[in-house]
Amino acid sequence: MRRNAMNDQYSFLTNTPFDTNIGPLEFLIINGVITNVNFKTHTRKKADEPFNPLTRKIVKQLKDYFNQKRTRFDLPMQFEGTDFQESIWKQIAVVPFGKTISYSDLAKKVKSPKAFRAAGSACGKNPLPILIPCHRILAQNKTLGGFGGGLEIKMKLLKLEGISYN
């Protein structure tokens, strides 16, 4: 998912806060691509309306997701990590809405069957949670495992998608 975005229509850096039913999110856009989504404890002052077409598109798709009207995101995203992390994030990106896989199965998909703990660590370092849906990754016994945004948020996201867990 790496790409040179320097020639994109929107060449800027912006940090955009957004309130959701799981709490405030903030997304970072650099040169026309989303590079980070962060869970916040409070929303800082924000504009009433997103100020350009890209931020409007992001907010609309997130609102649609949280209102159960969207199951996939069609947004320009970019992430950077180790080769292993990026391979894990690419696999997570294709886990469908309402479905889960285990950390162990995730490791197998990237041809590293014994690296389930490393797969979990890569999930925890996912810079684009929700967009790259690491909340859909569970422990082998269908327990929650971990989540970078905290287990309470992971439970809310799983409930939103109709996913049960132990």
C-alpha atoms as a PDB file:
ATOM      1  CA  MET A   1       0.000   0.000   0.000  1.00  0.00           C
ATOM      2  CA  ARG A   2       2.961   2.306  -0.204  1.00  0.00           C
ATOM      3  CA  ARG A   3       2.689   4.857  -2.927  1.00  0.00           C
ATOM      4  CA  ASN A   4       4.028   8.206  -3.942  1.00  0.00           C
ATOM      5  CA  ALA A   5       1.226  10.622  -3.255  1.00  0.00           C
ATOM      6  CA  MET A   6       3.107  13.837  -3.975  1.00  0.00           C
ATOM      7  CA  ASN A   7       1.129  14.489  -7.148  1.00  0.00           C
ATOM      8  CA  ASP A   8      -2.296  13.826  -5.628  1.00  0.00           C
ATOM      9  CA  GLN A   9      -4.982  16.472  -5.848  1.00  0.00           C
ATOM     10  CA  TYR A  10      -4.676  17.253  -2.122  1.00  0.00           C
ATOM     11  CA  SER A  11      -1.124  17.874  -0.999  1.00  0.00           C
ATOM     12  CA  PHE A  12      -1.289  18.768   2.669  1.00  0.00           C
ATOM     13  CA  LEU A  13      -0.897  17.553   6.199  1.00  0.00           C
ATOM     14  CA  THR A  14      -3.972  17.609   8.397  1.00  0.00           C
ATOM     15  CA  ASN A  15      -5.100  16.082  11.649  1.00  0.00           C
ATOM     16  CA  THR A  16      -8.891  15.794  11.603  1.00  0.00           C
ATOM     17  CA  PRO A  17     -10.908  14.940  14.732  1.00  0.00           C
ATOM     18  CA  PHE A  18     -14.181  13.058  14.372  1.00  0.00           C
ATOM     19  CA  ASP A  19     -16.714  11.964  17.019  1.00  0.00           C
ATOM     20  CA  THR A  20     -18.104   8.428  16.729  1.00  0.00           C
ATOM     21  CA  ASN A  21     -20.305   6.162  18.818  1.00  0.00           C
ATOM     22  CA  ILE A  22     -17.157   4.401  20.105  1.00  0.00           C
ATOM     23  CA  GLY A  23     -15.514   7.680  21.066  1.00  0.00           C
ATOM     24  CA  PRO A  24     -13.477  10.310  19.259  1.00  0.00           C
ATOM     25  CA  LEU A  25     -11.163   9.373  16.396  1.00  0.00           C
ATOM     26  CA  GLU A  26      -8.522  11.478  14.758  1.00  0.00           C
ATOM     27  CA  PHE A  27      -7.127  10.747  11.328  1.00  0.00           C
ATOM     28  CA  LEU A  28      -3.905  12.048   9.853  1.00  0.00           C
ATOM     29  CA  ILE A  29      -3.762  12.833   6.144  1.00  0.00           C
ATOM     30  CA  ILE A  30      -0.451  13.439   4.429  1.00  0.00           C
ATOM     31  CA  ASN A  31      -0.378  14.351   0.751  1.00  0.00           C
ATOM     32  CA  GLY A  32      -3.817  12.998   0.008  1.00  0.00           C
ATOM     33  CA  VAL A  33      -3.632   9.657   1.852  1.00  0.00           C
ATOM     34  CA  ILE A  34      -4.697   8.583   5.332  1.00  0.00           C
ATOM     35  CA  THR A  35      -1.618   7.470   7.247  1.00  0.00           C
ATOM     36  CA  ASN A  36      -2.970   7.130  10.792  1.00  0.00           C
ATOM     37  CA  VAL A  37      -6.209   6.702  12.699  1.00  0.00           C
ATOM     38  CA  ASN A  38      -5.980   7.348  16.433  1.00  0.00           C
ATOM     39  CA  PHE A  39      -8.417   6.730  19.259  1.00  0.00           C
ATOM     40  CA  LYS A  40      -8.702   9.793  21.474  1.00  0.00           C
ATOM     41  CA  THR A  41      -9.995  10.291  25.009  1.00  0.00           C
ATOM     42  CA  HIS A  42     -11.556  13.619  24.096  1.00  0.00           C
ATOM     43  CA  THR A  43     -12.214  15.604  20.959  1.00  0.00           C
ATOM     44  CA  ARG A  44     -10.234  18.754  20.472  1.00  0.00           C
ATOM     45  CA  LYS A  45     -11.836  21.795  18.864  1.00  0.00           C
ATOM     46  CA  LYS A  46     -12.887  20.988  15.325  1.00  0.00           C
ATOM     47  CA  ALA A  47     -14.544  22.592  12.346  1.00  0.00           C
ATOM     48  CA  ASP A  48     -18.277  21.981  11.917  1.00  0.00           C
ATOM     49  CA  GLU A  49     -17.740  20.576   8.424  1.00  0.00           C
ATOM     50  CA  PRO A  50     -14.702  18.835   6.941  1.00  0.00           C
ATOM     51  CA  PHE A  51     -12.900  21.393   4.843  1.00  0.00           C
ATOM     52  CA  ASN A  52     -12.110  19.487   1.639  1.00  0.00           C
ATOM     53  CA  PRO A  53     -13.537  16.655  -0.474  1.00  0.00           C
ATOM     54  CA  LEU A  54     -11.178  14.026   0.963  1.00  0.00           C
ATOM     55  CA  THR A  55     -11.998  14.715   4.607  1.00  0.00           C
ATOM     56  CA  ARG A  56     -15.694  14.843   3.708  1.00  0.00           C
ATOM     57  CA  LYS A  57     -15.352  11.425   2.040  1.00  0.00           C
ATOM     58  CA  ILE A  58     -13.569   9.974   5.083  1.00  0.00           C
ATOM     59  CA  VAL A  59     -16.169  11.319   7.510  1.00  0.00           C
ATOM     60  CA  LYS A  60     -19.048  10.077   5.329  1.00  0.00           C
ATOM     61  CA  GLN A  61     -17.603   6.573   5.032  1.00  0.00           C
ATOM     62  CA  LEU A  62     -16.908   6.369   8.771  1.00  0.00           C
ATOM     63  CA  LYS A  63     -20.417   7.616   9.590  1.00  0.00           C
ATOM     64  CA  ASP A  64     -21.860   5.044   7.183  1.00  0.00           C
ATOM     65  CA  TYR A  65     -19.773   2.297   8.823  1.00  0.00           C
ATOM     66  CA  PHE A  66     -20.885   3.266  12.333  1.00  0.00           C
ATOM     67  CA  ASN A  67     -24.512   3.395  11.117  1.00  0.00           C
ATOM     68  CA  GLN A  68     -24.104  -0.097   9.585  1.00  0.00           C
ATOM     69  CA  LYS A  69     -24.532   1.195   6.032  1.00  0.00           C
ATOM     70  CA  ARG A  70     -20.962   0.406   4.914  1.00  0.00           C
ATOM     71  CA  THR A  71     -18.910  -2.768   5.222  1.00  0.00           C
ATOM     72  CA  ARG A  72     -15.787  -1.720   3.283  1.00  0.00           C
ATOM     73  CA  PHE A  73     -13.813   1.468   2.922  1.00  0.00           C
ATOM     74  CA  ASP A  74     -12.820   2.993  -0.393  1.00  0.00           C
ATOM     75  CA  LEU A  75     -10.271   5.516   0.828  1.00  0.00           C
ATOM     76  CA  PRO A  76      -6.671   6.352  -0.083  1.00  0.00           C
ATOM     77  CA  MET A  77      -4.524   4.773   2.635  1.00  0.00           C
ATOM     78  CA  GLN A  78      -0.822   4.302   3.165  1.00  0.00           C
ATOM     79  CA  PHE A  79       1.033   2.485   5.895  1.00  0.00           C
ATOM     80  CA  GLU A  80       4.655   1.851   6.678  1.00  0.00           C
ATOM     81  CA  GLY A  81       6.102  -0.845   8.875  1.00  0.00           C
ATOM     82  CA  THR A  82       8.409  -3.810   8.643  1.00  0.00           C
ATOM     83  CA  ASP A  83       7.853  -6.210   5.760  1.00  0.00           C
ATOM     84  CA  PHE A  84       6.219  -8.631   8.208  1.00  0.00           C
ATOM     85  CA  GLN A  85       3.912  -5.953   9.632  1.00  0.00           C
ATOM     86  CA  GLU A  86       2.871  -4.813   6.180  1.00  0.00           C
ATOM     87  CA  SER A  87       2.140  -8.390   5.101  1.00  0.00           C
ATOM     88  CA  ILE A  88      -0.026  -8.836   8.216  1.00  0.00           C
ATOM     89  CA  TRP A  89      -1.881  -5.553   7.620  1.00  0.00           C
ATOM     90  CA  LYS A  90      -2.569  -6.509   3.996  1.00  0.00           C
ATOM     91  CA  GLN A  91      -4.088  -9.808   5.167  1.00  0.00           C
ATOM     92  CA  ILE A  92      -6.192  -8.066   7.810  1.00  0.00           C
ATOM     93  CA  ALA A  93      -7.515  -5.689   5.143  1.00  0.00           C
ATOM     94  CA  VAL A  94      -9.269  -8.572   3.362  1.00  0.00           C
ATOM     95  CA  VAL A  95     -11.029 -10.027   6.422  1.00  0.00           C
ATOM     96  CA  PRO A  96     -14.696  -9.366   5.589  1.00  0.00           C
ATOM     97  CA  PHE A  97     -17.109  -7.333   7.698  1.00  0.00           C
ATOM     98  CA  GLY A  98     -18.747  -9.566  10.308  1.00  0.00           C
ATOM     99  CA  LYS A  99     -16.049 -12.267  10.105  1.00  0.00           C
ATOM    100  CA  THR A 100     -12.993 -13.015  12.212  1.00  0.00           C
ATOM    101  CA  ILE A 101      -9.787 -14.984  11.981  1.00  0.00           C
ATOM    102  CA  SER A 102      -7.336 -15.981  14.688  1.00  0.00           C
ATOM    103  CA  TYR A 103      -3.857 -14.596  15.239  1.00  0.00           C
ATOM    104  CA  SER A 104      -2.613 -18.100  14.409  1.00  0.00           C
ATOM    105  CA  ASP A 105      -4.507 -18.220  11.097  1.00  0.00           C
ATOM    106  CA  LEU A 106      -3.249 -14.743  10.295  1.00  0.00           C
ATOM    107  CA  ALA A 107       0.349 -15.890  10.808  1.00  0.00           C
ATOM    108  CA  LYS A 108      -0.280 -18.910   8.555  1.00  0.00           C
ATOM    109  CA  LYS A 109      -1.633 -16.648   5.801  1.00  0.00           C
ATOM    110  CA  VAL A 110       1.703 -14.812   5.667  1.00  0.00           C
ATOM    111  CA  LYS A 111       3.632 -18.112   5.603  1.00  0.00           C
ATOM    112  CA  SER A 112       4.896 -17.739   9.193  1.00  0.00           C
ATOM    113  CA  PRO A 113       2.756 -20.287  11.065  1.00  0.00           C
ATOM    114  CA  LYS A 114       4.726 -20.049  14.318  1.00  0.00           C
ATOM    115  CA  ALA A 115       4.674 -16.246  14.386  1.00  0.00           C
ATOM    116  CA  PHE A 116       1.203 -15.827  15.911  1.00  0.00           C
ATOM    117  CA  ARG A 117       2.577 -13.646  18.723  1.00  0.00           C
ATOM    118  CA  ALA A 118       4.379 -11.469  16.172  1.00  0.00           C
ATOM    119  CA  ALA A 119       1.111 -11.296  14.212  1.00  0.00           C
ATOM    120  CA  GLY A 120      -0.588 -10.040  17.382  1.00  0.00           C
ATOM    121  CA  SER A 121       2.154  -7.482  17.865  1.00  0.00           C
ATOM    122  CA  ALA A 122       1.703  -6.290  14.267  1.00  0.00           C
ATOM    123  CA  CYS A 123      -2.032  -5.932  14.928  1.00  0.00           C
ATOM    124  CA  GLY A 124      -1.230  -3.756  17.916  1.00  0.00           C
ATOM    125  CA  LYS A 125       0.939  -1.517  15.741  1.00  0.00           C
ATOM    126  CA  ASN A 126      -1.668  -1.151  12.986  1.00  0.00           C
ATOM    127  CA  PRO A 127      -1.653   2.583  12.119  1.00  0.00           C
ATOM    128  CA  LEU A 128      -5.109   2.415  10.507  1.00  0.00           C
ATOM    129  CA  PRO A 129      -7.472   0.656  12.934  1.00  0.00           C
ATOM    130  CA  ILE A 130     -11.055   0.294  11.720  1.00  0.00           C
ATOM    131  CA  LEU A 131      -9.919   0.956   8.127  1.00  0.00           C
ATOM    132  CA  ILE A 132      -7.531  -2.014   8.415  1.00  0.00           C
ATOM    133  CA  PRO A 133      -9.886  -3.971  10.709  1.00  0.00           C
ATOM    134  CA  CYS A 134      -7.555  -5.505  13.297  1.00  0.00           C
ATOM    135  CA  HIS A 135     -10.528  -5.741  15.674  1.00  0.00           C
ATOM    136  CA  ARG A 136     -11.602  -8.771  13.585  1.00  0.00           C
ATOM    137  CA  ILE A 137      -8.580 -10.761  14.769  1.00  0.00           C
ATOM    138  CA  LEU A 138      -9.259 -12.966  17.809  1.00  0.00           C
ATOM    139  CA  ALA A 139      -7.318 -15.506  19.832  1.00  0.00           C
ATOM    140  CA  GLN A 140      -7.591 -19.157  18.741  1.00  0.00           C
ATOM    141  CA  ASN A 141     -10.258 -19.857  21.392  1.00  0.00           C
ATOM    142  CA  LYS A 142     -12.389 -16.902  20.175  1.00  0.00           C
ATOM    143  CA  THR A 143     -11.348 -14.697  23.093  1.00  0.00           C
ATOM    144  CA  LEU A 144     -10.562 -11.058  22.426  1.00  0.00           C
ATOM    145  CA  GLY A 145      -6.774 -11.036  22.581  1.00  0.00           C
ATOM    146  CA  GLY A 146      -5.636  -7.417  22.524  1.00  0.00           C
ATOM    147  CA  PHE A 147      -6.432  -4.207  20.702  1.00  0.00           C
ATOM    148  CA  GLY A 148      -4.495  -0.976  20.318  1.00  0.00           C
ATOM    149  CA  GLY A 149      -7.574   1.114  21.100  1.00  0.00           C
ATOM    150  CA  GLY A 150      -8.408  -0.940  24.197  1.00  0.00           C
ATOM    151  CA  LEU A 151     -10.632  -3.967  24.665  1.00  0.00           C
ATOM    152  CA  GLU A 152     -13.746  -1.889  25.349  1.00  0.00           C
ATOM    153  CA  ILE A 153     -13.516  -0.354  21.869  1.00  0.00           C
ATOM    154  CA  LYS A 154     -12.760  -3.755  20.309  1.00  0.00           C
ATOM    155  CA  MET A 155     -15.914  -5.168  21.936  1.00  0.00           C
ATOM    156  CA  LYS A 156     -17.991  -2.261  20.585  1.00  0.00           C
ATOM    157  CA  LEU A 157     -16.630  -2.740  17.055  1.00  0.00           C
ATOM    158  CA  LEU A 158     -17.285  -6.495  17.161  1.00  0.00           C
ATOM    159  CA  LYS A 159     -20.825  -5.877  18.433  1.00  0.00           C
ATOM    160  CA  LEU A 160     -21.396  -3.335  15.659  1.00  0.00           C
ATOM    161  CA  GLU A 161     -20.461  -6.037  13.131  1.00  0.00           C
ATOM    162  CA  GLY A 162     -22.537  -8.747  14.833  1.00  0.00           C
ATOM    163  CA  ILE A 163     -19.483 -10.780  15.834  1.00  0.00           C
ATOM    164  CA  SER A 164     -19.623 -12.989  18.927  1.00  0.00           C
ATOM    165  CA  TYR A 165     -16.608 -13.926  21.018  1.00  0.00           C
ATOM    166  CA  ASN A 166     -15.808 -15.750  24.274  1.00  0.00           C
END
